């Protein structure tokens, strides 16, 4: 299997995908949010204002999982949205 995908104009090859797997394995009990932020820190993915590009990274993680290249931790519970009375 060719372990490379193109996402938002960047090619992610076996080395990057292995790094994703390593982060997931090292933080199996953590959230997808945490994993995406950790990868952003490692890869230096920041917006011009310094904020981590974690939403972009989560999109990449979902694409990798959809293609069967990684297995993400289960989704956490999403708290219900309550409107103010």
N, C-alpha and C. Protein backbone atom coordinates (compact mmCIF):
# COMPACT_ATOMS: atom_id res chain seq x y z
N UNK A 1 0.84 -1.17 0.00
CA UNK A 1 0.00 0.00 0.00
C UNK A 1 0.89 1.24 0.00
N UNK A 2 0.56 2.19 -0.85
CA UNK A 2 1.30 3.44 -0.90
C UNK A 2 0.77 4.35 0.19
N UNK A 3 1.57 4.52 1.24
CA UNK A 3 1.15 5.34 2.36
C UNK A 3 1.52 6.79 2.13
N UNK A 4 0.84 7.45 1.26
CA UNK A 4 1.03 8.88 1.03
C UNK A 4 -0.30 9.46 0.59
N UNK A 5 -0.61 10.63 1.14
CA UNK A 5 -1.81 11.33 0.71
C UNK A 5 -1.46 12.80 0.51
N UNK A 6 -2.26 13.43 -0.31
CA UNK A 6 -2.12 14.87 -0.50
C UNK A 6 -3.29 15.53 0.20
N UNK A 7 -3.00 16.47 1.08
CA UNK A 7 -4.04 17.16 1.83
C UNK A 7 -3.72 18.64 1.84
N UNK A 8 -4.63 19.42 1.30
CA UNK A 8 -4.49 20.87 1.24
C UNK A 8 -3.16 21.29 0.61
N UNK A 9 -2.78 20.60 -0.46
CA UNK A 9 -1.60 20.97 -1.22
C UNK A 9 -0.29 20.41 -0.70
N UNK A 10 -0.31 19.71 0.43
CA UNK A 10 0.91 19.14 1.00
C UNK A 10 0.83 17.62 0.93
N UNK A 11 1.95 17.00 0.59
CA UNK A 11 2.01 15.54 0.54
C UNK A 11 2.51 15.02 1.88
N UNK A 12 1.77 14.07 2.43
CA UNK A 12 2.14 13.42 3.68
C UNK A 12 2.53 12.00 3.34
N UNK A 13 3.82 11.71 3.52
CA UNK A 13 4.36 10.41 3.16
C UNK A 13 4.47 9.49 4.36
N UNK A 14 5.14 8.37 4.18
CA UNK A 14 5.27 7.38 5.26
C UNK A 14 5.88 7.95 6.54
N UNK A 15 6.85 8.84 6.42
CA UNK A 15 7.50 9.38 7.62
C UNK A 15 6.50 10.18 8.47
N UNK A 16 5.71 11.05 7.81
CA UNK A 16 4.73 11.85 8.54
C UNK A 16 3.61 10.98 9.11
N UNK A 17 3.19 10.00 8.33
CA UNK A 17 2.12 9.12 8.80
C UNK A 17 2.61 8.28 9.98
N UNK A 18 3.86 7.83 9.95
CA UNK A 18 4.43 7.11 11.09
C UNK A 18 4.49 8.00 12.32
N UNK A 19 4.81 9.27 12.13
CA UNK A 19 4.84 10.20 13.27
C UNK A 19 3.44 10.37 13.86
N UNK A 20 2.44 10.43 13.02
CA UNK A 20 1.05 10.50 13.50
C UNK A 20 0.75 9.26 14.34
N UNK A 21 1.12 8.10 13.84
CA UNK A 21 0.88 6.85 14.58
C UNK A 21 1.60 6.85 15.92
N UNK A 22 2.83 7.36 15.94
CA UNK A 22 3.60 7.42 17.19
C UNK A 22 2.92 8.31 18.22
N UNK A 23 2.43 9.45 17.78
CA UNK A 23 1.75 10.37 18.70
C UNK A 23 0.48 9.73 19.23
N UNK A 24 -0.28 9.08 18.36
CA UNK A 24 -1.51 8.41 18.80
C UNK A 24 -1.17 7.31 19.81
N UNK A 25 -0.15 6.51 19.53
CA UNK A 25 0.23 5.42 20.44
C UNK A 25 0.71 5.96 21.78
N UNK A 26 1.45 7.05 21.76
CA UNK A 26 1.99 7.62 23.00
C UNK A 26 0.90 8.29 23.85
N UNK A 27 -0.19 8.68 23.21
CA UNK A 27 -1.24 9.42 23.92
C UNK A 27 -2.61 8.78 23.67
N UNK A 28 -2.66 7.47 23.74
CA UNK A 28 -3.88 6.71 23.42
C UNK A 28 -5.06 7.12 24.29
N UNK A 29 -4.78 7.54 25.51
CA UNK A 29 -5.86 7.90 26.43
C UNK A 29 -6.28 9.37 26.30
N UNK A 30 -5.66 10.09 25.39
CA UNK A 30 -5.97 11.51 25.21
C UNK A 30 -6.96 11.70 24.07
N UNK A 31 -7.46 12.92 23.97
CA UNK A 31 -8.48 13.23 22.97
C UNK A 31 -7.87 13.47 21.59
N UNK A 32 -8.74 13.44 20.59
CA UNK A 32 -8.32 13.79 19.23
C UNK A 32 -7.82 15.23 19.19
N UNK A 33 -8.47 16.09 19.96
CA UNK A 33 -8.07 17.50 20.06
C UNK A 33 -6.62 17.59 20.54
N UNK A 34 -6.29 16.84 21.60
CA UNK A 34 -4.93 16.86 22.13
C UNK A 34 -3.93 16.36 21.08
N UNK A 35 -4.27 15.28 20.41
CA UNK A 35 -3.38 14.70 19.40
C UNK A 35 -3.14 15.68 18.27
N UNK A 36 -4.18 16.35 17.81
CA UNK A 36 -4.00 17.31 16.71
C UNK A 36 -3.13 18.47 17.15
N UNK A 37 -3.29 18.94 18.38
CA UNK A 37 -2.47 20.05 18.87
C UNK A 37 -1.01 19.62 19.05
N UNK A 38 -0.80 18.41 19.50
CA UNK A 38 0.57 17.90 19.65
C UNK A 38 1.27 17.81 18.30
N UNK A 39 0.57 17.33 17.29
CA UNK A 39 1.16 17.27 15.95
C UNK A 39 1.45 18.68 15.42
N UNK A 40 0.55 19.62 15.65
CA UNK A 40 0.79 21.01 15.22
C UNK A 40 2.06 21.56 15.87
N UNK A 41 2.23 21.29 17.16
CA UNK A 41 3.45 21.76 17.85
C UNK A 41 4.69 21.14 17.23
N UNK A 42 4.65 19.84 16.99
CA UNK A 42 5.82 19.15 16.41
C UNK A 42 6.15 19.65 15.01
N UNK A 43 5.12 19.91 14.22
CA UNK A 43 5.32 20.30 12.83
C UNK A 43 5.41 21.80 12.63
N UNK A 44 5.22 22.57 13.70
CA UNK A 44 5.27 24.03 13.58
C UNK A 44 4.11 24.62 12.80
N UNK A 45 2.96 23.97 12.88
CA UNK A 45 1.78 24.44 12.15
C UNK A 45 1.10 25.53 12.96
N UNK A 46 1.35 26.76 12.59
CA UNK A 46 0.74 27.90 13.27
C UNK A 46 0.21 28.89 12.25
N UNK A 47 -0.85 29.57 12.64
CA UNK A 47 -1.38 30.66 11.85
C UNK A 47 -0.46 31.87 12.03
N UNK A 48 -0.58 32.88 11.18
CA UNK A 48 0.25 34.07 11.33
C UNK A 48 0.16 34.72 12.72
N UNK A 49 -0.99 34.56 13.40
CA UNK A 49 -1.13 35.13 14.74
C UNK A 49 -0.60 34.21 15.84
N UNK A 50 0.00 33.08 15.47
CA UNK A 50 0.61 32.18 16.43
C UNK A 50 -0.28 31.05 16.93
N UNK A 51 -1.55 31.07 16.59
CA UNK A 51 -2.48 30.03 17.04
C UNK A 51 -2.22 28.75 16.25
N UNK A 52 -2.27 27.62 16.96
CA UNK A 52 -2.06 26.33 16.30
C UNK A 52 -3.16 26.06 15.28
N UNK A 53 -2.79 25.41 14.18
CA UNK A 53 -3.75 25.05 13.12
C UNK A 53 -4.36 23.68 13.42
N UNK A 54 -4.94 23.56 14.61
CA UNK A 54 -5.43 22.24 15.02
C UNK A 54 -6.65 21.78 14.24
N UNK A 55 -7.48 22.69 13.76
CA UNK A 55 -8.64 22.26 12.97
C UNK A 55 -8.17 21.68 11.64
N UNK A 56 -7.20 22.30 11.03
CA UNK A 56 -6.61 21.78 9.79
C UNK A 56 -6.03 20.39 10.04
N UNK A 57 -5.33 20.24 11.16
CA UNK A 57 -4.72 18.95 11.49
C UNK A 57 -5.78 17.89 11.76
N UNK A 58 -6.88 18.27 12.41
CA UNK A 58 -7.94 17.29 12.65
C UNK A 58 -8.56 16.82 11.34
N UNK A 59 -8.64 17.70 10.37
CA UNK A 59 -9.12 17.30 9.05
C UNK A 59 -8.20 16.27 8.43
N UNK A 60 -6.89 16.48 8.58
CA UNK A 60 -5.91 15.52 8.08
C UNK A 60 -6.07 14.17 8.79
N UNK A 61 -6.23 14.21 10.11
CA UNK A 61 -6.39 12.97 10.87
C UNK A 61 -7.63 12.19 10.43
N UNK A 62 -8.71 12.90 10.20
CA UNK A 62 -9.93 12.23 9.74
C UNK A 62 -9.74 11.61 8.36
N UNK A 63 -9.02 12.30 7.50
CA UNK A 63 -8.75 11.77 6.15
C UNK A 63 -7.89 10.51 6.26
N UNK A 64 -6.85 10.54 7.10
CA UNK A 64 -5.98 9.37 7.28
C UNK A 64 -6.78 8.19 7.83
N UNK A 65 -7.67 8.46 8.77
CA UNK A 65 -8.48 7.39 9.34
C UNK A 65 -9.45 6.83 8.30
N UNK A 66 -10.06 7.71 7.52
CA UNK A 66 -11.01 7.26 6.48
C UNK A 66 -10.33 6.36 5.45
N UNK A 67 -9.04 6.60 5.22
CA UNK A 67 -8.31 5.78 4.26
C UNK A 67 -7.68 4.54 4.90
N UNK A 68 -7.93 4.35 6.19
CA UNK A 68 -7.43 3.16 6.88
C UNK A 68 -5.96 3.21 7.22
N UNK A 69 -5.37 4.41 7.23
CA UNK A 69 -3.93 4.52 7.50
C UNK A 69 -3.62 4.69 8.98
N UNK A 70 -4.59 5.16 9.75
CA UNK A 70 -4.43 5.31 11.20
C UNK A 70 -5.74 4.93 11.87
N UNK A 71 -5.67 4.75 13.18
CA UNK A 71 -6.88 4.54 13.98
C UNK A 71 -6.86 5.55 15.11
N UNK A 72 -7.81 6.46 15.08
CA UNK A 72 -7.90 7.50 16.10
C UNK A 72 -8.57 6.96 17.35
N UNK A 73 -8.31 7.60 18.50
CA UNK A 73 -9.06 7.23 19.70
C UNK A 73 -10.55 7.52 19.47
N UNK A 74 -11.41 6.87 20.22
CA UNK A 74 -12.84 7.12 20.04
C UNK A 74 -13.16 8.59 20.31
N UNK A 75 -14.21 9.06 19.67
CA UNK A 75 -14.64 10.44 19.91
C UNK A 75 -15.12 10.57 21.35
N UNK A 76 -14.83 11.71 21.93
CA UNK A 76 -15.33 11.99 23.27
C UNK A 76 -16.78 12.39 23.22
N UNK A 77 -17.37 12.50 24.38
CA UNK A 77 -18.75 12.95 24.44
C UNK A 77 -18.80 14.44 24.16
N UNK A 78 -19.76 14.83 23.35
CA UNK A 78 -19.95 16.24 23.04
C UNK A 78 -21.02 16.76 23.99
N UNK A 79 -20.67 17.77 24.81
CA UNK A 79 -21.68 18.27 25.74
C UNK A 79 -22.85 18.90 24.99
N UNK A 80 -24.05 18.71 25.50
CA UNK A 80 -25.21 19.30 24.81
C UNK A 80 -25.15 20.82 24.87
N UNK A 81 -25.67 21.43 23.84
CA UNK A 81 -25.70 22.88 23.76
C UNK A 81 -27.01 23.35 24.39
N UNK A 82 -26.89 24.18 25.40
CA UNK A 82 -28.07 24.70 26.08
C UNK A 82 -28.24 26.17 25.75
N UNK A 83 -29.43 26.51 25.32
CA UNK A 83 -29.74 27.92 25.07
C UNK A 83 -30.01 28.61 26.40
N UNK A 84 -29.62 29.86 26.47
CA UNK A 84 -29.91 30.64 27.68
C UNK A 84 -31.41 30.86 27.79
N UNK A 85 -31.96 30.81 29.03
CA UNK A 85 -33.41 31.01 29.18
C UNK A 85 -33.82 32.44 28.88
